[in-house]
């Protein structure tokens, strides 16, 4: 991806390296061993960085260190940056400098929809390496973290180009072993929930579904609640209960019969959809074209 020239005023690299290693290990001693310097040198570099930034990055205790809020904010960006450095240098040393294209999406969409389809990308793009960036927080593509993103929302992405992929829909799904026949059978089983990251009236929840199914008074045998949607999917596959899930995220399991949709209704998300998002100047870039073609080709399977 082409970047305009910018003036970067960064702290000393050795200070950033010392902080990243200490934050990763939560140990000055282990960081020193990795960097082949003394613990005193690591401590000195970290203090230089703290003085440069004007904040404390670590809470220092007698036998251990812990990241402060400032340290927790800085660490992921440095970790990702140094990982990219290491990957690029490794490819250079191996004489295999290749194009790397990065696509960002939510954790659940990356795990359930993108990851199983990676072989098709490699098959169609033999000169490219694919990097999947999983995050439930939208990334700023101008930062260079990713070339493009698949975002979930109403398509309001100011400053970005957005191409609609598909709208979302939710329905009860479960293992065929549970032998559900009608909505009232839910009273004999566990309802699996996941917590939405943001509370909205239109979120697909069991309460909303029960009203749509005209059985609002139904009480399940028990409830199982997860903080992550992927965990709810795994619980449904394992036969632990019935989950109200995105049909897009379980399309492969439905196609194989690992999960079934025993009955309706299906809840639409009132305008919420998955969009392929990128910076307008990159519309015709090779990375964007490869990602777009791959995703569009895989859509019929959903």
C-alpha atoms as a PDB file:
ATOM      1  CA  UNK A   1       0.000   0.000   0.000  1.00  0.00           C
ATOM      2  CA  UNK A   2       1.444   3.404  -0.974  1.00  0.00           C
ATOM      3  CA  UNK A   3       1.881   5.900   1.824  1.00  0.00           C
ATOM      4  CA  UNK A   4       2.502   9.642   1.723  1.00  0.00           C
ATOM      5  CA  UNK A   5       5.699  10.838   3.320  1.00  0.00           C
ATOM      6  CA  UNK A   6       5.177  11.893   6.931  1.00  0.00           C
ATOM      7  CA  UNK A   7       7.498  13.150   9.625  1.00  0.00           C
ATOM      8  CA  UNK A   8       7.506  10.691  12.529  1.00  0.00           C
ATOM      9  CA  UNK A   9       8.752  11.928  15.879  1.00  0.00           C
ATOM     10  CA  UNK A  10       9.193   8.731  17.816  1.00  0.00           C
ATOM     11  CA  UNK A  11      11.033   7.883  21.047  1.00  0.00           C
ATOM     12  CA  UNK A  12      14.349   5.978  20.719  1.00  0.00           C
ATOM     13  CA  UNK A  13      13.862   2.541  19.150  1.00  0.00           C
ATOM     14  CA  UNK A  14      15.867   0.778  21.876  1.00  0.00           C
ATOM     15  CA  UNK A  15      13.523   2.265  24.491  1.00  0.00           C
ATOM     16  CA  UNK A  16      10.447   1.061  22.585  1.00  0.00           C
ATOM     17  CA  UNK A  17      11.980  -2.414  22.193  1.00  0.00           C
ATOM     18  CA  UNK A  18      12.775  -2.600  25.917  1.00  0.00           C
ATOM     19  CA  UNK A  19       9.244  -1.579  26.852  1.00  0.00           C
ATOM     20  CA  UNK A  20       7.610  -4.038  24.413  1.00  0.00           C
ATOM     21  CA  UNK A  21       9.695  -6.963  25.649  1.00  0.00           C
ATOM     22  CA  UNK A  22       9.104  -6.116  29.323  1.00  0.00           C
ATOM     23  CA  UNK A  23       5.363  -5.655  28.714  1.00  0.00           C
ATOM     24  CA  UNK A  24       5.135  -8.982  26.873  1.00  0.00           C
ATOM     25  CA  UNK A  25       6.946 -10.917  29.587  1.00  0.00           C
ATOM     26  CA  UNK A  26       5.838  -8.679  32.489  1.00  0.00           C
ATOM     27  CA  UNK A  27       9.416  -9.167  33.616  1.00  0.00           C
ATOM     28  CA  UNK A  28      12.471  -6.926  33.276  1.00  0.00           C
ATOM     29  CA  UNK A  29      14.766  -9.934  33.778  1.00  0.00           C
ATOM     30  CA  UNK A  30      13.166 -11.963  30.948  1.00  0.00           C
ATOM     31  CA  UNK A  31      13.151  -8.915  28.673  1.00  0.00           C
ATOM     32  CA  UNK A  32      16.861  -8.415  29.340  1.00  0.00           C
ATOM     33  CA  UNK A  33      17.602 -12.062  28.479  1.00  0.00           C
ATOM     34  CA  UNK A  34      15.677 -11.748  25.204  1.00  0.00           C
ATOM     35  CA  UNK A  35      17.433  -8.522  24.215  1.00  0.00           C
ATOM     36  CA  UNK A  36      20.863  -9.729  25.400  1.00  0.00           C
ATOM     37  CA  UNK A  37      21.365  -6.763  27.728  1.00  0.00           C
ATOM     38  CA  UNK A  38      21.350  -6.338  31.496  1.00  0.00           C
ATOM     39  CA  UNK A  39      18.158  -5.793  33.531  1.00  0.00           C
ATOM     40  CA  UNK A  40      19.592  -2.433  34.546  1.00  0.00           C
ATOM     41  CA  UNK A  41      19.813  -1.430  30.881  1.00  0.00           C
ATOM     42  CA  UNK A  42      16.185  -2.453  30.267  1.00  0.00           C
ATOM     43  CA  UNK A  43      15.034  -0.465  33.315  1.00  0.00           C
ATOM     44  CA  UNK A  44      17.019   2.555  32.110  1.00  0.00           C
ATOM     45  CA  UNK A  45      15.501   2.402  28.611  1.00  0.00           C
ATOM     46  CA  UNK A  46      11.987   2.166  30.048  1.00  0.00           C
ATOM     47  CA  UNK A  47      12.591   5.185  32.293  1.00  0.00           C
ATOM     48  CA  UNK A  48      13.871   7.126  29.278  1.00  0.00           C
ATOM     49  CA  UNK A  49      10.657   6.250  27.438  1.00  0.00           C
ATOM     50  CA  UNK A  50       8.495   7.240  30.411  1.00  0.00           C
ATOM     51  CA  UNK A  51      10.350  10.560  30.696  1.00  0.00           C
ATOM     52  CA  UNK A  52       9.936  11.161  26.962  1.00  0.00           C
ATOM     53  CA  UNK A  53       6.194  10.445  27.055  1.00  0.00           C
ATOM     54  CA  UNK A  54       5.586  12.062  30.428  1.00  0.00           C
ATOM     55  CA  UNK A  55       3.610   9.102  31.783  1.00  0.00           C
ATOM     56  CA  UNK A  56       4.260   5.999  33.860  1.00  0.00           C
ATOM     57  CA  UNK A  57       4.059   2.793  31.838  1.00  0.00           C
ATOM     58  CA  UNK A  58       4.648   0.278  34.635  1.00  0.00           C
ATOM     59  CA  UNK A  59       3.686  -0.142  38.254  1.00  0.00           C
ATOM     60  CA  UNK A  60       6.803  -1.439  39.949  1.00  0.00           C
ATOM     61  CA  UNK A  61       6.500  -3.843  42.867  1.00  0.00           C
ATOM     62  CA  UNK A  62       9.077  -5.751  44.877  1.00  0.00           C
ATOM     63  CA  UNK A  63       8.801  -8.977  42.892  1.00  0.00           C
ATOM     64  CA  UNK A  64       6.943  -8.055  39.720  1.00  0.00           C
ATOM     65  CA  UNK A  65       5.851  -5.278  37.376  1.00  0.00           C
ATOM     66  CA  UNK A  66       2.404  -4.502  35.981  1.00  0.00           C
ATOM     67  CA  UNK A  67       1.260  -2.280  33.135  1.00  0.00           C
ATOM     68  CA  UNK A  68      -0.474   0.982  33.941  1.00  0.00           C
ATOM     69  CA  UNK A  69      -3.436   2.160  31.853  1.00  0.00           C
ATOM     70  CA  UNK A  70      -0.962   4.087  29.663  1.00  0.00           C
ATOM     71  CA  UNK A  71       1.172   0.983  29.260  1.00  0.00           C
ATOM     72  CA  UNK A  72      -1.831  -1.152  28.318  1.00  0.00           C
ATOM     73  CA  UNK A  73      -2.771   1.412  25.677  1.00  0.00           C
ATOM     74  CA  UNK A  74       0.721   1.558  24.141  1.00  0.00           C
ATOM     75  CA  UNK A  75       1.638  -2.131  24.240  1.00  0.00           C
ATOM     76  CA  UNK A  76      -0.714  -3.590  21.542  1.00  0.00           C
ATOM     77  CA  UNK A  77       0.430  -1.068  18.921  1.00  0.00           C
ATOM     78  CA  UNK A  78       4.100  -1.762  19.608  1.00  0.00           C
ATOM     79  CA  UNK A  79       3.588  -5.517  19.696  1.00  0.00           C
ATOM     80  CA  UNK A  80       1.852  -5.427  16.326  1.00  0.00           C
ATOM     81  CA  UNK A  81       4.511  -3.142  14.878  1.00  0.00           C
ATOM     82  CA  UNK A  82       7.424  -5.308  15.996  1.00  0.00           C
ATOM     83  CA  UNK A  83       5.589  -8.431  14.770  1.00  0.00           C
ATOM     84  CA  UNK A  84       5.343  -6.806  11.336  1.00  0.00           C
ATOM     85  CA  UNK A  85       9.040  -5.920  11.445  1.00  0.00           C
ATOM     86  CA  UNK A  86       9.907  -9.507  12.303  1.00  0.00           C
ATOM     87  CA  UNK A  87       7.706 -10.927   9.549  1.00  0.00           C
ATOM     88  CA  UNK A  88       9.158  -8.605   6.895  1.00  0.00           C
ATOM     89  CA  UNK A  89      12.758  -9.267   7.966  1.00  0.00           C
ATOM     90  CA  UNK A  90      12.119 -13.015   8.021  1.00  0.00           C
ATOM     91  CA  UNK A  91      10.809 -12.903   4.460  1.00  0.00           C
ATOM     92  CA  UNK A  92      13.775 -10.811   3.330  1.00  0.00           C
ATOM     93  CA  UNK A  93      16.253 -13.240   4.874  1.00  0.00           C
ATOM     94  CA  UNK A  94      14.490 -16.135   3.197  1.00  0.00           C
ATOM     95  CA  UNK A  95      14.539 -14.349  -0.139  1.00  0.00           C
ATOM     96  CA  UNK A  96      10.751 -14.510  -0.274  1.00  0.00           C
ATOM     97  CA  UNK A  97       9.598 -10.907  -0.269  1.00  0.00           C
ATOM     98  CA  UNK A  98       5.931 -11.143  -1.167  1.00  0.00           C
ATOM     99  CA  UNK A  99       2.911  -8.906  -1.128  1.00  0.00           C
ATOM    100  CA  UNK A 100       1.044  -9.093   2.168  1.00  0.00           C
ATOM    101  CA  UNK A 101      -2.583  -8.009   2.195  1.00  0.00           C
ATOM    102  CA  UNK A 102      -4.353  -7.438   5.500  1.00  0.00           C
ATOM    103  CA  UNK A 103      -8.097  -7.690   6.070  1.00  0.00           C
ATOM    104  CA  UNK A 104      -9.672  -6.656   9.374  1.00  0.00           C
ATOM    105  CA  UNK A 105     -12.983  -8.022  10.696  1.00  0.00           C
ATOM    106  CA  UNK A 106     -14.664  -8.856  13.983  1.00  0.00           C
ATOM    107  CA  UNK A 107     -13.319 -11.769  15.987  1.00  0.00           C
ATOM    108  CA  UNK A 108     -16.385 -13.922  15.301  1.00  0.00           C
ATOM    109  CA  UNK A 109     -16.529 -13.151  11.568  1.00  0.00           C
ATOM    110  CA  UNK A 110     -12.801 -13.807  11.193  1.00  0.00           C
ATOM    111  CA  UNK A 111     -13.001 -17.149  12.984  1.00  0.00           C
ATOM    112  CA  UNK A 112     -16.286 -18.411  11.567  1.00  0.00           C
ATOM    113  CA  UNK A 113     -16.445 -17.028   8.010  1.00  0.00           C
ATOM    114  CA  UNK A 114     -13.043 -15.837   6.830  1.00  0.00           C
ATOM    115  CA  UNK A 115     -10.640 -18.402   8.284  1.00  0.00           C
ATOM    116  CA  UNK A 116     -12.303 -21.469   6.674  1.00  0.00           C
ATOM    117  CA  UNK A 117     -12.075 -19.732   3.279  1.00  0.00           C
ATOM    118  CA  UNK A 118      -8.372 -18.823   3.395  1.00  0.00           C
ATOM    119  CA  UNK A 119      -7.299 -21.733   1.105  1.00  0.00           C
ATOM    120  CA  UNK A 120      -9.428 -20.270  -1.697  1.00  0.00           C
ATOM    121  CA  UNK A 121      -7.630 -16.923  -1.385  1.00  0.00           C
ATOM    122  CA  UNK A 122      -4.216 -18.572  -1.607  1.00  0.00           C
ATOM    123  CA  UNK A 123      -5.325 -20.686  -4.551  1.00  0.00           C
ATOM    124  CA  UNK A 124      -6.469 -17.630  -6.518  1.00  0.00           C
ATOM    125  CA  UNK A 125      -3.611 -15.338  -5.418  1.00  0.00           C
ATOM    126  CA  UNK A 126      -0.379 -17.355  -5.416  1.00  0.00           C
ATOM    127  CA  UNK A 127       1.780 -14.212  -5.213  1.00  0.00           C
ATOM    128  CA  UNK A 128       0.091 -12.830  -2.099  1.00  0.00           C
ATOM    129  CA  UNK A 129       0.115 -13.620   1.587  1.00  0.00           C
ATOM    130  CA  UNK A 130      -3.081 -13.005   3.534  1.00  0.00           C
ATOM    131  CA  UNK A 131      -3.082 -11.528   7.032  1.00  0.00           C
ATOM    132  CA  UNK A 132      -6.330 -11.533   9.016  1.00  0.00           C
ATOM    133  CA  UNK A 133      -6.659  -8.848  11.688  1.00  0.00           C
ATOM    134  CA  UNK A 134      -9.375  -9.804  14.191  1.00  0.00           C
ATOM    135  CA  UNK A 135     -10.777  -7.001  16.335  1.00  0.00           C
ATOM    136  CA  UNK A 136     -14.229  -6.099  17.614  1.00  0.00           C
ATOM    137  CA  UNK A 137     -13.191  -2.430  17.562  1.00  0.00           C
ATOM    138  CA  UNK A 138     -13.162  -0.797  14.094  1.00  0.00           C
ATOM    139  CA  UNK A 139      -9.639  -0.020  12.899  1.00  0.00           C
ATOM    140  CA  UNK A 140      -8.576   3.220  11.248  1.00  0.00           C
ATOM    141  CA  UNK A 141      -7.423   2.100   7.807  1.00  0.00           C
ATOM    142  CA  UNK A 142      -5.434   5.329   7.466  1.00  0.00           C
ATOM    143  CA  UNK A 143      -3.119   3.994  10.184  1.00  0.00           C
ATOM    144  CA  UNK A 144      -1.920   1.185   7.909  1.00  0.00           C
ATOM    145  CA  UNK A 145      -3.078  -1.593  10.256  1.00  0.00           C
ATOM    146  CA  UNK A 146      -5.133  -3.105   7.448  1.00  0.00           C
ATOM    147  CA  UNK A 147      -5.730  -2.621   3.738  1.00  0.00           C
ATOM    148  CA  UNK A 148      -9.472  -3.145   4.057  1.00  0.00           C
ATOM    149  CA  UNK A 149     -12.086  -4.239   6.574  1.00  0.00           C
ATOM    150  CA  UNK A 150     -15.389  -6.048   6.765  1.00  0.00           C
ATOM    151  CA  UNK A 151     -17.589  -3.980   9.024  1.00  0.00           C
ATOM    152  CA  UNK A 152     -20.957  -4.671  10.554  1.00  0.00           C
ATOM    153  CA  UNK A 153     -23.411  -1.799  10.785  1.00  0.00           C
ATOM    154  CA  UNK A 154     -25.728   0.443   8.795  1.00  0.00           C
ATOM    155  CA  UNK A 155     -23.142   1.358   6.169  1.00  0.00           C
ATOM    156  CA  UNK A 156     -22.340   4.786   7.603  1.00  0.00           C
ATOM    157  CA  UNK A 157     -18.552   4.950   7.175  1.00  0.00           C
ATOM    158  CA  UNK A 158     -17.564   8.554   6.577  1.00  0.00           C
ATOM    159  CA  UNK A 159     -14.386   8.892   4.571  1.00  0.00           C
ATOM    160  CA  UNK A 160     -14.454   5.290   3.360  1.00  0.00           C
ATOM    161  CA  UNK A 161     -15.783   3.468   0.331  1.00  0.00           C
ATOM    162  CA  UNK A 162     -18.208   0.687   1.292  1.00  0.00           C
ATOM    163  CA  UNK A 163     -19.589  -2.189  -0.765  1.00  0.00           C
ATOM    164  CA  UNK A 164     -22.492  -4.165   0.691  1.00  0.00           C
ATOM    165  CA  UNK A 165     -21.872  -7.894   1.019  1.00  0.00           C
ATOM    166  CA  UNK A 166     -25.010  -9.217   2.700  1.00  0.00           C
ATOM    167  CA  UNK A 167     -27.585  -8.345   5.318  1.00  0.00           C
ATOM    168  CA  UNK A 168     -27.627 -10.188   8.593  1.00  0.00           C
ATOM    169  CA  UNK A 169     -30.358 -12.466   9.936  1.00  0.00           C
ATOM    170  CA  UNK A 170     -30.666 -14.436  13.169  1.00  0.00           C
ATOM    171  CA  UNK A 171     -32.570 -17.606  13.965  1.00  0.00           C
ATOM    172  CA  UNK A 172     -32.533 -20.420  16.561  1.00  0.00           C
ATOM    173  CA  UNK A 173     -29.982 -23.102  15.682  1.00  0.00           C
ATOM    174  CA  UNK A 174     -28.951 -26.256  17.497  1.00  0.00           C
ATOM    175  CA  UNK A 175     -27.454 -29.686  17.111  1.00  0.00           C
ATOM    176  CA  UNK A 176     -29.815 -32.110  15.353  1.00  0.00           C
ATOM    177  CA  UNK A 177     -29.340 -34.387  18.369  1.00  0.00           C
ATOM    178  CA  UNK A 178     -31.673 -32.149  20.394  1.00  0.00           C
ATOM    179  CA  UNK A 179     -34.639 -33.046  18.153  1.00  0.00           C
ATOM    180  CA  UNK A 180     -36.521 -29.765  18.445  1.00  0.00           C
ATOM    181  CA  UNK A 181     -39.762 -29.529  16.479  1.00  0.00           C
ATOM    182  CA  UNK A 182     -41.521 -26.322  17.531  1.00  0.00           C
ATOM    183  CA  UNK A 183     -40.785 -23.180  19.590  1.00  0.00           C
ATOM    184  CA  UNK A 184     -42.448 -24.555  22.711  1.00  0.00           C
ATOM    185  CA  UNK A 185     -39.814 -27.323  22.796  1.00  0.00           C
ATOM    186  CA  UNK A 186     -37.408 -24.647  23.995  1.00  0.00           C
ATOM    187  CA  UNK A 187     -38.903 -25.066  27.473  1.00  0.00           C
ATOM    188  CA  UNK A 188     -37.122 -28.434  27.677  1.00  0.00           C
ATOM    189  CA  UNK A 189     -33.698 -27.106  26.713  1.00  0.00           C
ATOM    190  CA  UNK A 190     -31.023 -24.571  27.579  1.00  0.00           C
ATOM    191  CA  UNK A 191     -31.104 -21.225  25.793  1.00  0.00           C
ATOM    192  CA  UNK A 192     -27.616 -20.067  24.792  1.00  0.00           C
ATOM    193  CA  UNK A 193     -27.028 -16.309  24.805  1.00  0.00           C
ATOM    194  CA  UNK A 194     -24.114 -14.042  23.952  1.00  0.00           C
ATOM    195  CA  UNK A 195     -23.681 -10.463  25.128  1.00  0.00           C
ATOM    196  CA  UNK A 196     -23.865  -7.795  22.440  1.00  0.00           C
ATOM    197  CA  UNK A 197     -20.982  -5.348  22.605  1.00  0.00           C
ATOM    198  CA  UNK A 198     -23.435  -2.421  22.324  1.00  0.00           C
ATOM    199  CA  UNK A 199     -27.007  -2.527  23.538  1.00  0.00           C
ATOM    200  CA  UNK A 200     -29.492  -1.525  20.850  1.00  0.00           C
ATOM    201  CA  UNK A 201     -33.227  -2.014  20.552  1.00  0.00           C
ATOM    202  CA  UNK A 202     -32.817  -3.889  17.280  1.00  0.00           C
ATOM    203  CA  UNK A 203     -30.273  -6.424  18.575  1.00  0.00           C
ATOM    204  CA  UNK A 204     -31.279 -10.027  17.993  1.00  0.00           C
ATOM    205  CA  UNK A 205     -32.001 -11.321  21.490  1.00  0.00           C
ATOM    206  CA  UNK A 206     -34.034 -14.233  22.772  1.00  0.00           C
ATOM    207  CA  UNK A 207     -36.600 -11.855  24.306  1.00  0.00           C
ATOM    208  CA  UNK A 208     -37.168 -10.218  20.935  1.00  0.00           C
ATOM    209  CA  UNK A 209     -37.337 -13.613  19.194  1.00  0.00           C
ATOM    210  CA  UNK A 210     -39.843 -15.037  21.699  1.00  0.00           C
ATOM    211  CA  UNK A 211     -42.133 -12.057  21.076  1.00  0.00           C
ATOM    212  CA  UNK A 212     -41.831 -12.575  17.308  1.00  0.00           C
ATOM    213  CA  UNK A 213     -42.601 -16.296  17.770  1.00  0.00           C
ATOM    214  CA  UNK A 214     -45.632 -15.377  19.928  1.00  0.00           C
ATOM    215  CA  UNK A 215     -44.422 -17.337  22.938  1.00  0.00           C
ATOM    216  CA  UNK A 216     -43.182 -14.437  25.126  1.00  0.00           C
ATOM    217  CA  UNK A 217     -44.084 -16.273  28.335  1.00  0.00           C
ATOM    218  CA  UNK A 218     -41.892 -19.310  27.565  1.00  0.00           C
ATOM    219  CA  UNK A 219     -39.233 -20.143  30.157  1.00  0.00           C
ATOM    220  CA  UNK A 220     -36.308 -22.360  29.140  1.00  0.00           C
ATOM    221  CA  UNK A 221     -34.926 -25.190  31.216  1.00  0.00           C
ATOM    222  CA  UNK A 222     -31.853 -23.007  31.890  1.00  0.00           C
ATOM    223  CA  UNK A 223     -29.791 -20.193  30.401  1.00  0.00           C
ATOM    224  CA  UNK A 224     -26.145 -20.261  29.318  1.00  0.00           C
ATOM    225  CA  UNK A 225     -24.586 -16.843  28.703  1.00  0.00           C
ATOM    226  CA  UNK A 226     -21.300 -16.078  26.932  1.00  0.00           C
ATOM    227  CA  UNK A 227     -19.467 -12.798  26.514  1.00  0.00           C
ATOM    228  CA  UNK A 228     -18.296 -13.877  23.063  1.00  0.00           C
ATOM    229  CA  UNK A 229     -20.393 -14.928  20.068  1.00  0.00           C
ATOM    230  CA  UNK A 230     -17.881 -17.561  18.920  1.00  0.00           C
ATOM    231  CA  UNK A 231     -18.182 -19.346  22.258  1.00  0.00           C
ATOM    232  CA  UNK A 232     -21.966 -19.426  21.894  1.00  0.00           C
ATOM    233  CA  UNK A 233     -21.555 -21.030  18.467  1.00  0.00           C
ATOM    234  CA  UNK A 234     -19.236 -23.693  19.846  1.00  0.00           C
ATOM    235  CA  UNK A 235     -21.657 -24.453  22.669  1.00  0.00           C
ATOM    236  CA  UNK A 236     -24.481 -24.943  20.163  1.00  0.00           C
ATOM    237  CA  UNK A 237     -22.326 -27.259  18.025  1.00  0.00           C
ATOM    238  CA  UNK A 238     -21.487 -29.272  21.136  1.00  0.00           C
ATOM    239  CA  UNK A 239     -25.200 -29.763  21.822  1.00  0.00           C
ATOM    240  CA  UNK A 240     -25.300 -27.728  25.037  1.00  0.00           C
ATOM    241  CA  UNK A 241     -28.492 -25.958  24.027  1.00  0.00           C
ATOM    242  CA  UNK A 242     -30.209 -23.754  21.451  1.00  0.00           C
ATOM    243  CA  UNK A 243     -28.562 -20.508  20.367  1.00  0.00           C
ATOM    244  CA  UNK A 244     -29.944 -17.487  18.529  1.00  0.00           C
ATOM    245  CA  UNK A 245     -27.147 -16.935  16.009  1.00  0.00           C
ATOM    246  CA  UNK A 246     -26.198 -15.102  12.844  1.00  0.00           C
ATOM    247  CA  UNK A 247     -27.032 -17.423   9.950  1.00  0.00           C
ATOM    248  CA  UNK A 248     -24.007 -16.035   8.084  1.00  0.00           C
ATOM    249  CA  UNK A 249     -21.603 -17.073  10.824  1.00  0.00           C
ATOM    250  CA  UNK A 250     -22.938 -20.645  10.964  1.00  0.00           C
ATOM    251  CA  UNK A 251     -23.540 -21.088   7.231  1.00  0.00           C
ATOM    252  CA  UNK A 252     -20.880 -23.803   6.961  1.00  0.00           C
ATOM    253  CA  UNK A 253     -22.298 -25.772   9.907  1.00  0.00           C
ATOM    254  CA  UNK A 254     -25.830 -25.491   8.494  1.00  0.00           C
ATOM    255  CA  UNK A 255     -24.629 -26.708   5.103  1.00  0.00           C
ATOM    256  CA  UNK A 256     -22.900 -29.727   6.680  1.00  0.00           C
ATOM    257  CA  UNK A 257     -25.792 -30.503   9.020  1.00  0.00           C
ATOM    258  CA  UNK A 258     -23.679 -29.998  12.136  1.00  0.00           C
ATOM    259  CA  UNK A 259     -26.276 -27.397  13.110  1.00  0.00           C
ATOM    260  CA  UNK A 260     -29.897 -27.093  12.010  1.00  0.00           C
ATOM    261  CA  UNK A 261     -32.459 -24.309  12.087  1.00  0.00           C
ATOM    262  CA  UNK A 262     -35.386 -26.251  13.554  1.00  0.00           C
ATOM    263  CA  UNK A 263     -37.995 -23.523  13.117  1.00  0.00           C
ATOM    264  CA  UNK A 264     -38.598 -19.803  12.592  1.00  0.00           C
ATOM    265  CA  UNK A 265     -39.139 -16.992  12.685  1.00  0.00           C
ATOM    266  CA  UNK A 266     -35.950 -15.399  11.393  1.00  0.00           C
ATOM    267  CA  UNK A 267     -35.046 -11.987  12.800  1.00  0.00           C
ATOM    268  CA  UNK A 268     -33.788  -9.370  10.376  1.00  0.00           C
ATOM    269  CA  UNK A 269     -31.465  -6.731  11.749  1.00  0.00           C
ATOM    270  CA  UNK A 270     -33.332  -3.718  10.315  1.00  0.00           C
ATOM    271  CA  UNK A 271     -30.683  -2.338   8.003  1.00  0.00           C
ATOM    272  CA  UNK A 272     -27.615  -3.839   9.642  1.00  0.00           C
ATOM    273  CA  UNK A 273     -25.329  -5.530   7.173  1.00  0.00           C
ATOM    274  CA  UNK A 274     -21.775  -6.594   6.410  1.00  0.00           C
ATOM    275  CA  UNK A 275     -19.831  -4.165   4.209  1.00  0.00           C
ATOM    276  CA  UNK A 276     -16.444  -4.390   2.517  1.00  0.00           C
ATOM    277  CA  UNK A 277     -14.736  -1.123   3.466  1.00  0.00           C
ATOM    278  CA  UNK A 278     -11.571   0.514   2.123  1.00  0.00           C
ATOM    279  CA  UNK A 279     -10.049   3.939   1.466  1.00  0.00           C
ATOM    280  CA  UNK A 280     -11.380   5.447  -1.807  1.00  0.00           C
ATOM    281  CA  UNK A 281      -7.891   6.055  -3.338  1.00  0.00           C
ATOM    282  CA  UNK A 282      -7.217   2.307  -2.996  1.00  0.00           C
ATOM    283  CA  UNK A 283     -10.263   1.241  -5.042  1.00  0.00           C
ATOM    284  CA  UNK A 284      -8.183  -0.158  -7.919  1.00  0.00           C
ATOM    285  CA  UNK A 285      -5.194  -1.345  -5.855  1.00  0.00           C
ATOM    286  CA  UNK A 286      -4.157  -4.970  -6.336  1.00  0.00           C
ATOM    287  CA  UNK A 287      -4.709  -5.785  -2.654  1.00  0.00           C
ATOM    288  CA  UNK A 288      -8.269  -4.444  -2.682  1.00  0.00           C
ATOM    289  CA  UNK A 289      -9.061  -6.199  -5.961  1.00  0.00           C
ATOM    290  CA  UNK A 290      -7.801  -9.530  -4.610  1.00  0.00           C
ATOM    291  CA  UNK A 291      -9.789  -9.245  -1.384  1.00  0.00           C
ATOM    292  CA  UNK A 292     -12.937  -8.111  -3.195  1.00  0.00           C
ATOM    293  CA  UNK A 293     -12.791 -10.957  -5.720  1.00  0.00           C
ATOM    294  CA  UNK A 294     -12.158 -13.564  -3.000  1.00  0.00           C
ATOM    295  CA  UNK A 295     -15.021 -12.422  -0.775  1.00  0.00           C
ATOM    296  CA  UNK A 296     -17.488 -12.044  -3.642  1.00  0.00           C
ATOM    297  CA  UNK A 297     -16.612 -15.493  -4.928  1.00  0.00           C
ATOM    298  CA  UNK A 298     -17.274 -17.041  -1.518  1.00  0.00           C
ATOM    299  CA  UNK A 299     -20.601 -15.265  -0.917  1.00  0.00           C
ATOM    300  CA  UNK A 300     -22.845 -17.792  -2.727  1.00  0.00           C
ATOM    301  CA  UNK A 301     -21.872 -20.381  -0.131  1.00  0.00           C
ATOM    302  CA  UNK A 302     -23.657 -18.295   2.509  1.00  0.00           C
END
